């Protein structure tokens, strides 16, 4: 490939044996260097790969002299001829392993200080060090591949959505603060003293306004900001593939997203997802898996045995049921090998999620084994085995508690048992979870909150319950889950002003607050708003799955730590007093704790 730039003619990793005899100019980093007592070998690396070059002291004394100065990660430009390596030195593990470049000239474009870690060994270095020197960490082939995958996701998405007549539109980053679940990042206005912009948690209202505007099909790679506690799959700023469509129902949206997902997995990973994604209601997911983002690769299902054991003599079960709780359990194939200590450890693990205990029954070749057998008649024990399809060698475990605690605990136990007994199947298992509850009750604040956001449309038949009994209202909402990770979620939106106002009232918002925070949006709904809906896919999570990474920090070029700190550039950081004065802000010093 010629005329790549004025500084080089070819990329290192793209040289082939068909090019033997050609003269080339290359630029890149020194991956390694070796002095064999005369000949100097330099492995040169650029974004495309590595090629070996060799400097002969007799043929090119000037280049050889400079070659002695070269160290790892120096930046070089070299010219030379492509030749075939001697047969005994061919490296079959390297794409360019059959050839090398005989160096004619060499220029050191820039030197490098000794590295805090070797580039090819960075995987074994702590994440803190890697993030502090992210500009070095990103030089690794693995990280370069992840950045390229992210780029590929952008291009595939644009191609698919363009085919479906979407228009890419950017929405404002400086917006207003509205209650959407997490805390907003606020930006003070210099011009309007005492007033603030907010960085968007999502483009929700603006993309709906675009539907009012007649765009019909919108998308963007939206930057979103949330001031919340972080974990492996969260960052203070993230990117989502955001889309909205007019004149559609759930089916239209789900089919377009399925096509996009199939294209992404096929082109990026050479994996074929199903032609139709399975669907499951929220209620079914919680009952079978204890979570609204189940990992279908794990063949374990939760069973509700409350009705079966309600008349047993085991008071832990019966008292829980009488108080409105549930008794649910799992059967773990091969789990009977666990020792009493192992089961005690699992019981402690269950306690981390609020469970008061964990009962268990082992299915042995010579019968059942457990301290609780005496509380159950033989017929009931046989029925329990039948419900769980339990056979010799299996383990049945039970959680008796409030439904929410039982769900959360068994969901976590399901993951832990699956990991210990290698029950996680290979591959990628997508799933749509639908018909979420519209509202969830906040026990601390004693009020109803929107499970997703207050612009989600309720099922038409549930609208009468909005103000009477919010617990009965189901939302026209849907989440895309892959291997236990929520990749995206969306809903059909409210497009009628009177329904939107009912939802606000059911959330306990008075007219003044509604008008102050959402007046502009309610006003727009009065001007012929079409039915519409959409979805947002977490691009960082998507790339995490497509690259088999364990954290979204691995697929974001310059991520923050779990304390929302950038180790590369040092933010958040103090600013000059003059800047604060211009913004009419005074930083209050924290009072020292009393000794």
Protein backbone atom coordinates (compact mmCIF):
# COMPACT_ATOMS: atom_id res chain seq x y z
CA UNK A 1 0.00 0.00 0.00
CA UNK A 2 1.68 3.21 -1.16
CA UNK A 3 1.22 6.87 -0.29
CA UNK A 4 -0.14 6.19 3.21
CA UNK A 5 1.48 9.41 4.35
CA UNK A 6 4.53 11.50 3.64
CA UNK A 7 6.35 9.80 6.53
CA UNK A 8 5.77 6.15 5.64
CA UNK A 9 4.82 3.97 2.70
CA UNK A 10 3.42 0.93 4.50
CA UNK A 11 2.09 -0.34 7.83
CA UNK A 12 4.28 -2.85 9.67
CA UNK A 13 1.70 -5.61 10.05
CA UNK A 14 0.61 -5.46 6.40
CA UNK A 15 3.95 -6.48 4.86
CA UNK A 16 3.81 -9.90 3.18
CA UNK A 17 6.11 -12.37 1.45
CA UNK A 18 4.63 -11.28 -1.91
CA UNK A 19 6.38 -7.92 -1.34
CA UNK A 20 9.90 -9.38 -1.06
CA UNK A 21 12.35 -7.09 -2.84
CA UNK A 22 10.31 -3.93 -2.35
CA UNK A 23 11.72 -0.87 -0.56
CA UNK A 24 9.56 0.48 2.26
CA UNK A 25 9.50 3.26 4.82
CA UNK A 26 7.99 2.39 8.19
CA UNK A 27 7.16 4.31 11.36
CA UNK A 28 6.31 2.95 14.79
CA UNK A 29 7.36 2.02 18.30
CA UNK A 30 10.18 -0.31 19.24
CA UNK A 31 8.47 -3.42 20.56
CA UNK A 32 11.80 -5.05 21.41
CA UNK A 33 15.45 -4.91 20.38
CA UNK A 34 18.19 -7.53 20.35
CA UNK A 35 21.94 -7.11 19.77
CA UNK A 36 23.49 -10.34 18.47
CA UNK A 37 27.06 -9.15 18.64
CA UNK A 38 26.95 -7.44 15.30
CA UNK A 39 23.51 -7.61 13.78
CA UNK A 40 20.87 -5.57 15.63
CA UNK A 41 17.28 -6.78 15.42
CA UNK A 42 14.42 -4.36 16.10
CA UNK A 43 10.78 -5.45 16.22
CA UNK A 44 8.84 -2.40 15.05
CA UNK A 45 5.18 -2.06 16.03
CA UNK A 46 2.38 0.15 14.76
CA UNK A 47 -1.41 -0.05 14.84
CA UNK A 48 -1.42 -2.89 12.28
CA UNK A 49 1.07 -5.24 13.93
CA UNK A 50 4.79 -6.04 14.22
CA UNK A 51 7.58 -6.65 11.75
CA UNK A 52 11.20 -7.58 12.41
CA UNK A 53 13.95 -5.36 11.02
CA UNK A 54 17.66 -6.09 10.93
CA UNK A 55 20.63 -3.68 10.84
CA UNK A 56 23.98 -4.87 9.45
CA UNK A 57 27.04 -2.97 10.83
CA UNK A 58 28.97 -3.47 7.57
CA UNK A 59 26.30 -2.41 5.08
CA UNK A 60 24.75 0.42 7.12
CA UNK A 61 27.20 1.67 9.79
CA UNK A 62 25.29 4.91 10.41
CA UNK A 63 22.00 3.11 11.05
CA UNK A 64 23.86 0.53 13.17
CA UNK A 65 25.31 3.28 15.36
CA UNK A 66 21.84 4.72 15.97
CA UNK A 67 20.48 1.21 16.54
CA UNK A 68 22.70 0.89 19.62
CA UNK A 69 20.85 3.88 21.14
CA UNK A 70 17.39 2.40 20.62
CA UNK A 71 15.34 1.18 23.60
CA UNK A 72 11.80 -0.15 24.03
CA UNK A 73 9.05 2.26 22.97
CA UNK A 74 11.39 4.64 21.13
CA UNK A 75 9.62 6.08 18.09
CA UNK A 76 11.46 5.28 14.86
CA UNK A 77 11.31 5.85 11.15
CA UNK A 78 13.26 3.38 9.07
CA UNK A 79 13.69 2.57 5.40
CA UNK A 80 14.82 -0.70 3.95
CA UNK A 81 14.16 -3.68 1.69
CA UNK A 82 11.83 -6.57 2.44
CA UNK A 83 13.69 -9.90 2.40
CA UNK A 84 12.83 -13.48 3.29
CA UNK A 85 14.02 -14.66 6.69
CA UNK A 86 16.39 -17.62 6.88
CA UNK A 87 14.29 -20.79 7.13
CA UNK A 88 15.38 -21.56 10.68
CA UNK A 89 14.32 -18.09 11.94
CA UNK A 90 10.77 -18.03 10.50
CA UNK A 91 8.21 -17.18 13.24
CA UNK A 92 4.86 -18.91 12.46
CA UNK A 93 3.16 -17.08 15.37
CA UNK A 94 3.72 -13.70 13.69
CA UNK A 95 1.70 -12.51 10.72
CA UNK A 96 4.92 -11.13 9.19
CA UNK A 97 7.00 -14.06 10.45
CA UNK A 98 8.35 -15.12 7.04
CA UNK A 99 9.98 -11.77 6.25
CA UNK A 100 12.10 -9.00 7.73
CA UNK A 101 13.27 -5.56 6.66
CA UNK A 102 16.95 -4.97 5.92
CA UNK A 103 17.43 -1.44 7.28
CA UNK A 104 19.08 1.15 5.09
CA UNK A 105 18.39 4.27 7.18
CA UNK A 106 17.07 4.78 10.67
CA UNK A 107 15.82 7.93 12.39
CA UNK A 108 14.99 8.21 16.07
CA UNK A 109 11.88 10.44 16.03
CA UNK A 110 11.52 10.42 19.79
CA UNK A 111 13.03 8.65 22.77
CA UNK A 112 11.13 7.10 25.68
CA UNK A 113 11.78 7.10 29.39
CA UNK A 114 11.99 3.70 31.12
CA UNK A 115 8.43 2.35 31.24
CA UNK A 116 6.39 1.89 34.44
CA UNK A 117 5.45 -1.50 32.99
CA UNK A 118 6.26 -3.48 29.88
CA UNK A 119 3.60 -3.05 27.21
CA UNK A 120 3.27 -6.77 26.56
CA UNK A 121 3.01 -7.51 30.30
CA UNK A 122 0.44 -4.85 31.21
CA UNK A 123 -2.34 -7.40 31.62
CA UNK A 124 -0.69 -8.56 34.84
CA UNK A 125 -0.32 -5.00 36.18
CA UNK A 126 -2.84 -3.53 38.64
CA UNK A 127 -5.74 -1.62 37.12
CA UNK A 128 -4.74 1.51 39.05
CA UNK A 129 -1.34 1.59 37.35
CA UNK A 130 -2.87 0.83 33.96
CA UNK A 131 -5.38 3.68 34.35
CA UNK A 132 -2.70 6.11 35.52
CA UNK A 133 -0.67 5.35 32.41
CA UNK A 134 -3.66 4.73 30.16
CA UNK A 135 -1.82 6.23 27.18
CA UNK A 136 0.63 3.32 27.49
CA UNK A 137 -2.01 0.73 28.32
CA UNK A 138 -3.85 1.64 25.11
CA UNK A 139 -0.77 0.76 23.05
CA UNK A 140 -1.34 -2.92 23.81
CA UNK A 141 -2.72 -4.99 20.93
CA UNK A 142 -5.61 -6.15 23.11
CA UNK A 143 -6.68 -2.59 23.89
CA UNK A 144 -6.21 -1.48 20.28
CA UNK A 145 -8.52 -4.31 19.24
CA UNK A 146 -11.15 -3.14 21.73
CA UNK A 147 -11.03 0.40 20.39
CA UNK A 148 -11.41 -0.94 16.86
CA UNK A 149 -14.38 -3.04 17.97
CA UNK A 150 -16.01 0.07 19.40
CA UNK A 151 -15.43 1.85 16.09
CA UNK A 152 -16.92 -1.13 14.25
CA UNK A 153 -20.04 -0.98 16.42
CA UNK A 154 -20.53 2.66 15.43
CA UNK A 155 -20.23 1.89 11.73
CA UNK A 156 -22.53 -1.16 11.75
CA UNK A 157 -25.15 0.72 13.77
CA UNK A 158 -25.11 3.65 11.40
CA UNK A 159 -25.49 1.35 8.40
CA UNK A 160 -28.43 -0.62 9.84
CA UNK A 161 -30.33 2.39 11.15
CA UNK A 162 -29.76 4.36 7.96
CA UNK A 163 -31.36 1.46 6.07
CA UNK A 164 -34.42 1.86 8.29
CA UNK A 165 -34.68 5.60 7.51
CA UNK A 166 -33.33 6.91 10.81
CA UNK A 167 -31.86 10.41 11.02
CA UNK A 168 -28.84 11.02 13.25
CA UNK A 169 -29.51 14.09 15.40
CA UNK A 170 -27.48 15.54 18.27
CA UNK A 171 -29.38 16.78 21.31
CA UNK A 172 -28.14 19.34 23.88
CA UNK A 173 -25.52 18.51 26.47
CA UNK A 174 -26.32 21.61 28.52
CA UNK A 175 -29.90 21.01 29.59
CA UNK A 176 -32.07 21.56 32.66
CA UNK A 177 -32.24 19.45 35.78
CA UNK A 178 -35.21 17.08 35.85
CA UNK A 179 -35.85 14.18 38.25
CA UNK A 180 -34.85 11.01 36.37
CA UNK A 181 -33.57 8.72 39.10
CA UNK A 182 -29.90 9.56 39.66
CA UNK A 183 -28.32 12.84 40.75
CA UNK A 184 -27.54 15.32 38.01
CA UNK A 185 -24.14 16.79 37.28
CA UNK A 186 -24.78 20.53 37.50
CA UNK A 187 -23.05 23.27 35.51
CA UNK A 188 -23.34 26.82 36.94
CA UNK A 189 -24.18 29.64 34.55
CA UNK A 190 -21.80 32.60 34.51
CA UNK A 191 -24.27 34.83 32.67
CA UNK A 192 -27.33 33.93 34.74
CA UNK A 193 -26.24 34.13 38.36
CA UNK A 194 -27.65 31.41 40.62
CA UNK A 195 -28.93 29.31 37.74
CA UNK A 196 -27.61 25.99 36.51
CA UNK A 197 -27.50 23.73 33.51
CA UNK A 198 -27.53 19.96 34.04
CA UNK A 199 -25.66 17.40 32.01
CA UNK A 200 -28.24 14.97 30.58
CA UNK A 201 -28.86 11.61 32.23
CA UNK A 202 -30.39 10.71 28.88
CA UNK A 203 -31.80 12.64 25.89
CA UNK A 204 -35.30 11.43 26.86
CA UNK A 205 -37.33 14.62 26.55
CA UNK A 206 -35.44 15.95 23.56
CA UNK A 207 -35.86 12.77 21.54
CA UNK A 208 -39.58 12.85 22.30
CA UNK A 209 -39.67 16.48 21.19
CA UNK A 210 -38.04 15.34 17.94
CA UNK A 211 -41.03 13.02 17.45
CA UNK A 212 -43.33 16.04 17.94
CA UNK A 213 -41.12 17.82 15.40
CA UNK A 214 -41.80 15.23 12.70
CA UNK A 215 -38.35 13.62 12.56
CA UNK A 216 -40.15 10.24 12.89
CA UNK A 217 -36.99 8.13 13.29
CA UNK A 218 -34.07 9.51 15.27
CA UNK A 219 -30.86 8.09 16.70
CA UNK A 220 -27.59 9.31 18.14
CA UNK A 221 -24.60 8.01 20.06
CA UNK A 222 -25.61 9.97 23.12
CA UNK A 223 -23.28 10.96 25.93
CA UNK A 224 -25.08 10.56 29.27
CA UNK A 225 -24.06 11.64 32.75
CA UNK A 226 -25.18 10.34 36.14
CA UNK A 227 -23.76 11.27 39.52
CA UNK A 228 -24.21 7.88 41.16
CA UNK A 229 -22.21 5.21 42.95
CA UNK A 230 -20.10 3.25 40.49
CA UNK A 231 -19.41 -0.44 39.84
CA UNK A 232 -17.94 -2.60 37.07
CA UNK A 233 -20.61 -1.68 34.52
CA UNK A 234 -21.20 1.96 35.51
CA UNK A 235 -19.34 5.19 34.87
CA UNK A 236 -20.21 8.83 35.61
CA UNK A 237 -20.32 9.35 31.84
CA UNK A 238 -21.31 6.73 29.35
CA UNK A 239 -22.49 6.37 25.77
CA UNK A 240 -25.74 4.88 24.59
CA UNK A 241 -27.16 4.08 21.17
CA UNK A 242 -30.29 6.14 21.57
CA UNK A 243 -33.23 5.79 19.20
CA UNK A 244 -36.86 6.87 18.93
CA UNK A 245 -39.59 6.12 16.38
CA UNK A 246 -43.04 7.48 15.58
CA UNK A 247 -46.09 5.45 14.56
CA UNK A 248 -44.77 2.21 16.01
CA UNK A 249 -45.72 -0.35 18.61
CA UNK A 250 -43.51 -2.63 20.70
CA UNK A 251 -43.19 -5.20 17.93
CA UNK A 252 -41.76 -2.70 15.43
CA UNK A 253 -39.07 -1.55 17.86
CA UNK A 254 -38.07 -5.00 19.06
CA UNK A 255 -37.65 -6.33 15.51
CA UNK A 256 -35.37 -3.44 14.44
CA UNK A 257 -33.23 -3.83 17.56
CA UNK A 258 -33.01 -7.60 17.03
CA UNK A 259 -31.77 -7.01 13.48
CA UNK A 260 -29.15 -4.58 14.78
CA UNK A 261 -28.04 -7.00 17.51
CA UNK A 262 -27.76 -9.91 15.08
CA UNK A 263 -25.68 -7.80 12.68
CA UNK A 264 -23.35 -6.65 15.46
CA UNK A 265 -22.70 -10.13 16.85
CA UNK A 266 -22.33 -11.67 13.40
CA UNK A 267 -19.93 -9.05 12.02
CA UNK A 268 -17.91 -8.43 15.17
CA UNK A 269 -17.77 -11.92 16.71
CA UNK A 270 -18.91 -14.24 13.88
CA UNK A 271 -21.74 -15.37 16.18
CA UNK A 272 -25.26 -16.00 14.93
CA UNK A 273 -27.95 -14.94 17.39
CA UNK A 274 -31.43 -16.53 17.08
CA UNK A 275 -33.71 -15.37 14.28
CA UNK A 276 -36.25 -14.55 17.00
CA UNK A 277 -35.29 -13.53 20.53
CA UNK A 278 -37.29 -15.24 23.30
CA UNK A 279 -39.59 -13.01 25.35
CA UNK A 280 -40.56 -13.17 28.98
CA UNK A 281 -42.67 -10.96 31.19
CA UNK A 282 -41.11 -9.27 34.20
CA UNK A 283 -43.31 -11.36 36.48
CA UNK A 284 -42.13 -14.63 34.90
CA UNK A 285 -38.47 -13.56 35.05
CA UNK A 286 -38.70 -12.72 38.75
CA UNK A 287 -40.47 -15.98 39.54
CA UNK A 288 -38.10 -18.24 37.58
CA UNK A 289 -34.81 -16.41 38.02
CA UNK A 290 -35.27 -13.85 40.81
CA UNK A 291 -34.06 -11.01 38.56
CA UNK A 292 -35.26 -8.99 35.58
CA UNK A 293 -31.97 -9.68 33.76
CA UNK A 294 -31.59 -13.47 33.91
CA UNK A 295 -28.64 -15.30 32.41
CA UNK A 296 -30.29 -18.00 30.29
CA UNK A 297 -26.99 -19.85 29.88
CA UNK A 298 -27.55 -21.20 33.41
CA UNK A 299 -30.07 -24.10 33.35
CA UNK A 300 -31.31 -23.52 36.90
CA UNK A 301 -34.85 -22.32 37.59
CA UNK A 302 -36.30 -21.11 40.87
CA UNK A 303 -39.43 -22.96 42.03
CA UNK A 304 -42.09 -21.55 44.32
CA UNK A 305 -43.09 -24.24 46.84
CA UNK A 306 -45.07 -22.02 49.21
CA UNK A 307 -48.35 -23.81 48.52
CA UNK A 308 -46.73 -27.21 48.82
CA UNK A 309 -45.06 -26.65 52.24
CA UNK A 310 -47.63 -24.37 53.89
CA UNK A 311 -48.99 -27.25 56.01
CA UNK A 312 -45.61 -28.65 57.04
CA UNK A 313 -44.40 -28.58 60.64
CA UNK A 314 -41.34 -26.52 59.75
CA UNK A 315 -42.17 -23.22 61.43
CA UNK A 316 -39.56 -21.24 59.48
CA UNK A 317 -41.58 -21.98 56.35
CA UNK A 318 -45.10 -21.82 57.74
CA UNK A 319 -44.57 -18.59 59.73
CA UNK A 320 -43.08 -16.88 56.69
CA UNK A 321 -46.05 -17.90 54.52
CA UNK A 322 -48.56 -16.76 57.16
CA UNK A 323 -46.91 -13.31 57.15
CA UNK A 324 -47.34 -13.03 53.38
CA UNK A 325 -43.86 -14.23 52.48
CA UNK A 326 -42.81 -17.02 50.12
CA UNK A 327 -40.76 -20.20 50.13
CA UNK A 328 -38.74 -20.67 46.97
CA UNK A 329 -35.80 -22.82 46.06
CA UNK A 330 -33.27 -24.19 43.59
CA UNK A 331 -32.05 -27.67 42.70
CA UNK A 332 -28.32 -27.89 41.99
CA UNK A 333 -27.22 -30.94 39.96
CA UNK A 334 -24.32 -32.64 41.74
CA UNK A 335 -24.67 -30.30 44.70
CA UNK A 336 -24.94 -33.09 47.26
CA UNK A 337 -21.12 -33.31 47.34
CA UNK A 338 -20.99 -30.05 49.31
CA UNK A 339 -19.85 -30.40 52.91
CA UNK A 340 -21.61 -28.98 55.94
CA UNK A 341 -19.02 -26.19 56.02
CA UNK A 342 -19.63 -25.44 52.34
CA UNK A 343 -23.36 -25.16 53.01
CA UNK A 344 -22.73 -22.94 56.03
CA UNK A 345 -20.68 -20.66 53.75
CA UNK A 346 -23.54 -20.54 51.27
CA UNK A 347 -25.92 -19.69 54.12
CA UNK A 348 -23.67 -16.80 55.11
CA UNK A 349 -23.57 -15.71 51.47
CA UNK A 350 -27.38 -15.70 51.39
CA UNK A 351 -27.36 -13.49 54.48
CA UNK A 352 -25.51 -10.82 52.50
CA UNK A 353 -28.71 -10.30 50.51
CA UNK A 354 -31.06 -10.09 53.48
CA UNK A 355 -32.03 -13.76 53.89
CA UNK A 356 -32.39 -14.96 57.47
CA UNK A 357 -31.14 -18.41 56.56
CA UNK A 358 -30.94 -21.12 53.92
CA UNK A 359 -32.50 -24.56 54.35
CA UNK A 360 -31.20 -27.50 52.33
CA UNK A 361 -31.88 -31.13 51.51
CA UNK A 362 -29.34 -33.48 49.95
CA UNK A 363 -30.55 -36.23 47.64
CA UNK A 364 -28.27 -39.21 48.28
CA UNK A 365 -28.26 -42.69 46.76
CA UNK A 366 -29.65 -44.09 50.02
CA UNK A 367 -32.26 -41.36 50.55
CA UNK A 368 -32.61 -37.75 51.62
CA UNK A 369 -30.32 -36.05 54.14
CA UNK A 370 -31.06 -32.86 56.11
CA UNK A 371 -31.70 -31.60 59.61
CA UNK A 372 -35.19 -30.48 58.56
CA UNK A 373 -36.52 -33.82 57.21
CA UNK A 374 -38.39 -34.58 60.44
CA UNK A 375 -40.71 -31.61 59.84
CA UNK A 376 -42.07 -32.97 56.55
CA UNK A 377 -44.18 -36.04 55.80
CA UNK A 378 -42.69 -38.46 53.27
CA UNK A 379 -45.34 -37.61 50.68
CA UNK A 380 -44.43 -33.89 50.87
CA UNK A 381 -40.72 -34.67 50.51
CA UNK A 382 -41.46 -36.81 47.46
CA UNK A 383 -43.51 -33.97 45.97
CA UNK A 384 -40.63 -31.55 46.58
CA UNK A 385 -38.29 -33.87 44.69
CA UNK A 386 -40.81 -34.07 41.86
CA UNK A 387 -41.19 -30.27 41.64
CA UNK A 388 -37.42 -29.84 41.38
CA UNK A 389 -36.85 -33.01 39.28
CA UNK A 390 -34.22 -33.81 41.91
CA UNK A 391 -32.27 -37.06 41.56
CA UNK A 392 -29.54 -38.78 43.51
CA UNK A 393 -26.51 -36.48 43.90
CA UNK A 394 -28.54 -33.27 43.69
CA UNK A 395 -29.02 -30.55 46.31
CA UNK A 396 -32.23 -28.64 47.02
CA UNK A 397 -31.90 -25.26 48.77
CA UNK A 398 -34.70 -23.07 50.09
CA UNK A 399 -35.15 -19.43 51.05
CA UNK A 400 -38.16 -18.42 53.15
CA UNK A 401 -38.62 -14.66 53.34
CA UNK A 402 -40.36 -11.65 51.83
CA UNK A 403 -40.72 -12.11 48.09
CA UNK A 404 -38.21 -9.37 47.27
CA UNK A 405 -35.57 -10.90 49.57
CA UNK A 406 -36.22 -14.42 48.26
CA UNK A 407 -35.86 -13.22 44.67
CA UNK A 408 -32.64 -11.31 45.23
CA UNK A 409 -31.04 -14.04 47.33
CA UNK A 410 -31.91 -16.93 45.01
CA UNK A 411 -30.80 -14.91 41.97
CA UNK A 412 -27.36 -14.54 43.55
CA UNK A 413 -27.23 -18.14 44.76
CA UNK A 414 -28.10 -19.27 41.23
CA UNK A 415 -25.06 -17.41 39.88
CA UNK A 416 -22.75 -18.67 42.62
CA UNK A 417 -23.79 -22.32 42.33
CA UNK A 418 -23.54 -22.14 38.53
CA UNK A 419 -19.99 -20.84 38.76
CA UNK A 420 -18.87 -23.46 41.30
CA UNK A 421 -20.40 -26.39 39.40
CA UNK A 422 -19.51 -25.11 35.90
CA UNK A 423 -23.14 -24.92 34.83
CA UNK A 424 -22.77 -21.83 32.63
CA UNK A 425 -23.24 -22.87 29.01
CA UNK A 426 -21.19 -21.42 26.15
CA UNK A 427 -22.54 -18.85 23.74
CA UNK A 428 -24.80 -15.80 23.85
CA UNK A 429 -28.43 -15.97 24.96
CA UNK A 430 -30.50 -12.85 24.26
CA UNK A 431 -33.86 -12.24 25.92
CA UNK A 432 -36.57 -9.60 25.92
CA UNK A 433 -38.11 -8.88 29.33
CA UNK A 434 -41.49 -7.11 28.94
CA UNK A 435 -44.44 -5.70 30.88
CA UNK A 436 -42.52 -4.20 33.77
CA UNK A 437 -44.42 -2.66 36.67
CA UNK A 438 -45.04 1.02 35.98
CA UNK A 439 -44.32 2.02 39.58
CA UNK A 440 -42.26 0.82 42.50
CA UNK A 441 -42.75 1.89 46.10
CA UNK A 442 -39.94 3.74 47.86
CA UNK A 443 -40.08 2.51 51.47
CA UNK A 444 -37.74 5.21 52.74
CA UNK A 445 -39.65 8.13 51.22
CA UNK A 446 -43.08 6.44 51.47
CA UNK A 447 -44.09 7.25 47.91
CA UNK A 448 -44.42 5.71 44.47
CA UNK A 449 -41.65 6.16 41.90
CA UNK A 450 -41.47 5.38 38.19
CA UNK A 451 -39.56 2.12 37.70
CA UNK A 452 -38.06 3.41 34.43
CA UNK A 453 -39.05 7.07 33.95
CA UNK A 454 -42.33 8.99 34.15
CA UNK A 455 -42.73 9.20 30.34
CA UNK A 456 -43.27 5.45 29.93
CA UNK A 457 -46.75 4.59 28.72
CA UNK A 458 -48.91 2.32 30.88
CA UNK A 459 -50.90 -0.46 29.26
CA UNK A 460 -54.15 1.08 28.08
CA UNK A 461 -56.26 -1.21 30.28
CA UNK A 462 -54.24 -0.22 33.37
CA UNK A 463 -54.62 3.58 33.03
CA UNK A 464 -57.68 3.65 35.37
CA UNK A 465 -55.46 2.30 38.19
CA UNK A 466 -52.83 5.04 37.94
CA UNK A 467 -54.27 7.07 40.80
CA UNK A 468 -56.32 4.33 42.48
CA UNK A 469 -53.77 1.53 42.79
CA UNK A 470 -50.36 2.20 41.17
CA UNK A 471 -49.16 -1.30 42.12
CA UNK A 472 -51.46 -2.80 39.48
CA UNK A 473 -50.21 -0.67 36.59
CA UNK A 474 -48.01 -2.37 34.00
CA UNK A 475 -45.76 -0.43 31.68
CA UNK A 476 -45.28 -0.82 27.94
CA UNK A 477 -41.59 -1.24 28.71
CA UNK A 478 -39.02 -3.76 27.55
CA UNK A 479 -35.39 -4.58 28.29
CA UNK A 480 -32.87 -6.43 26.12
CA UNK A 481 -30.78 -8.83 28.21
CA UNK A 482 -27.79 -10.86 26.99
CA UNK A 483 -26.06 -13.36 29.28
CA UNK A 484 -27.40 -11.71 32.41
CA UNK A 485 -26.44 -8.18 31.38
CA UNK A 486 -29.05 -5.56 30.60
CA UNK A 487 -27.89 -4.27 27.23
CA UNK A 488 -30.67 -1.77 26.73
CA UNK A 489 -34.16 -0.77 27.61
CA UNK A 490 -37.00 1.34 26.35
CA UNK A 491 -40.72 1.77 26.15
CA UNK A 492 -43.66 3.09 24.25
CA UNK A 493 -44.00 6.68 25.46
CA UNK A 494 -46.95 8.69 26.65
CA UNK A 495 -48.10 10.89 23.78
CA UNK A 496 -51.32 12.27 25.30
CA UNK A 497 -51.11 15.19 27.70
CA UNK A 498 -53.93 14.01 29.96
CA UNK A 499 -52.27 10.62 30.53
CA UNK A 500 -48.92 12.28 31.24
CA UNK A 501 -50.55 14.51 33.85
CA UNK A 502 -52.17 11.46 35.49
CA UNK A 503 -48.79 9.79 35.77
CA UNK A 504 -47.30 12.90 37.39
CA UNK A 505 -50.16 12.99 39.89
CA UNK A 506 -49.72 9.29 40.72
CA UNK A 507 -46.07 10.08 41.52
CA UNK A 508 -47.20 12.70 44.03
CA UNK A 509 -46.06 15.69 42.00
CA UNK A 510 -48.10 18.87 42.44
CA UNK A 511 -49.06 21.14 39.55
CA UNK A 512 -46.46 23.76 40.44
CA UNK A 513 -43.56 21.26 40.35
CA UNK A 514 -44.84 19.68 37.18
CA UNK A 515 -45.15 23.03 35.44
CA UNK A 516 -41.75 24.20 36.63
CA UNK A 517 -39.90 21.02 35.59
CA UNK A 518 -41.90 19.72 32.64
CA UNK A 519 -44.10 22.59 31.50
CA UNK A 520 -42.24 22.94 28.20
CA UNK A 521 -42.77 19.25 27.47
CA UNK A 522 -46.47 19.19 28.39
CA UNK A 523 -46.96 22.21 26.18
CA UNK A 524 -45.42 20.35 23.24
CA UNK A 525 -47.74 17.36 23.75
CA UNK A 526 -50.69 19.62 22.90
CA UNK A 527 -49.55 20.14 19.31
CA UNK A 528 -50.35 16.89 17.57
CA UNK A 529 -47.86 14.45 19.11
CA UNK A 530 -47.77 11.11 17.26
CA UNK A 531 -47.64 7.78 19.11
CA UNK A 532 -43.99 6.93 19.58
CA UNK A 533 -41.49 4.80 21.43
CA UNK A 534 -37.84 3.95 21.55
CA UNK A 535 -34.95 2.26 23.19
CA UNK A 536 -31.39 2.96 24.32
CA UNK A 537 -28.59 0.38 24.17
CA UNK A 538 -25.65 0.83 26.50
CA UNK A 539 -22.79 1.03 24.00
CA UNK A 540 -20.13 0.49 26.66
CA UNK A 541 -21.86 -2.64 27.98
CA UNK A 542 -22.37 -3.87 24.42
CA UNK A 543 -18.66 -3.46 23.65
CA UNK A 544 -17.82 -5.15 26.96
CA UNK A 545 -19.74 -8.25 25.85
CA UNK A 546 -18.45 -8.17 22.28
CA UNK A 547 -14.83 -8.06 23.52
CA UNK A 548 -15.33 -10.52 26.42
CA UNK A 549 -14.21 -7.84 28.90
CA UNK A 550 -15.04 -7.96 32.60
CA UNK A 551 -15.67 -4.21 33.01
CA UNK A 552 -16.79 -1.30 30.85
CA UNK A 553 -13.60 0.45 31.98
CA UNK A 554 -11.79 -1.90 29.58
CA UNK A 555 -13.70 -0.58 26.55
CA UNK A 556 -13.72 3.15 27.37
CA UNK A 557 -10.55 4.94 26.21
CA UNK A 558 -10.14 7.11 29.33
CA UNK A 559 -12.46 5.83 32.09
CA UNK A 560 -12.86 7.01 35.66
CA UNK A 561 -12.16 4.84 38.69
CA UNK A 562 -14.87 3.52 40.98
CA UNK A 563 -14.47 6.80 42.91
CA UNK A 564 -15.16 8.79 39.70
CA UNK A 565 -11.55 9.97 39.47
CA UNK A 566 -9.44 10.21 36.33
CA UNK A 567 -5.97 8.92 37.15
CA UNK A 568 -4.60 10.25 33.85
CA UNK A 569 -5.60 13.91 34.06
CA UNK A 570 -6.51 14.20 37.73
CA UNK A 571 -10.11 15.37 37.66
CA UNK A 572 -12.11 16.32 39.60
CA UNK A 573 -9.75 19.13 40.52
CA UNK A 574 -9.94 22.53 42.21
CA UNK A 575 -10.25 25.65 40.07
CA UNK A 576 -8.96 29.19 40.49
CA UNK A 577 -10.80 31.49 42.87
CA UNK A 578 -11.41 33.93 40.02
CA UNK A 579 -13.31 31.26 38.10
CA UNK A 580 -15.54 30.65 41.10
CA UNK A 581 -16.18 34.38 41.51
CA UNK A 582 -17.29 34.63 37.87
CA UNK A 583 -19.75 31.83 38.53
CA UNK A 584 -20.99 33.44 41.76
CA UNK A 585 -19.90 30.38 43.74
CA UNK A 586 -18.13 30.10 47.06
CA UNK A 587 -16.68 26.78 48.22
CA UNK A 588 -17.47 26.09 51.85
CA UNK A 589 -14.58 24.63 53.81
CA UNK A 590 -15.45 21.36 55.53
CA UNK A 591 -15.50 21.74 59.27
CA UNK A 592 -12.89 19.71 61.09
CA UNK A 593 -14.32 16.85 63.10
CA UNK A 594 -14.36 17.47 66.81
CA UNK A 595 -11.65 15.58 68.56
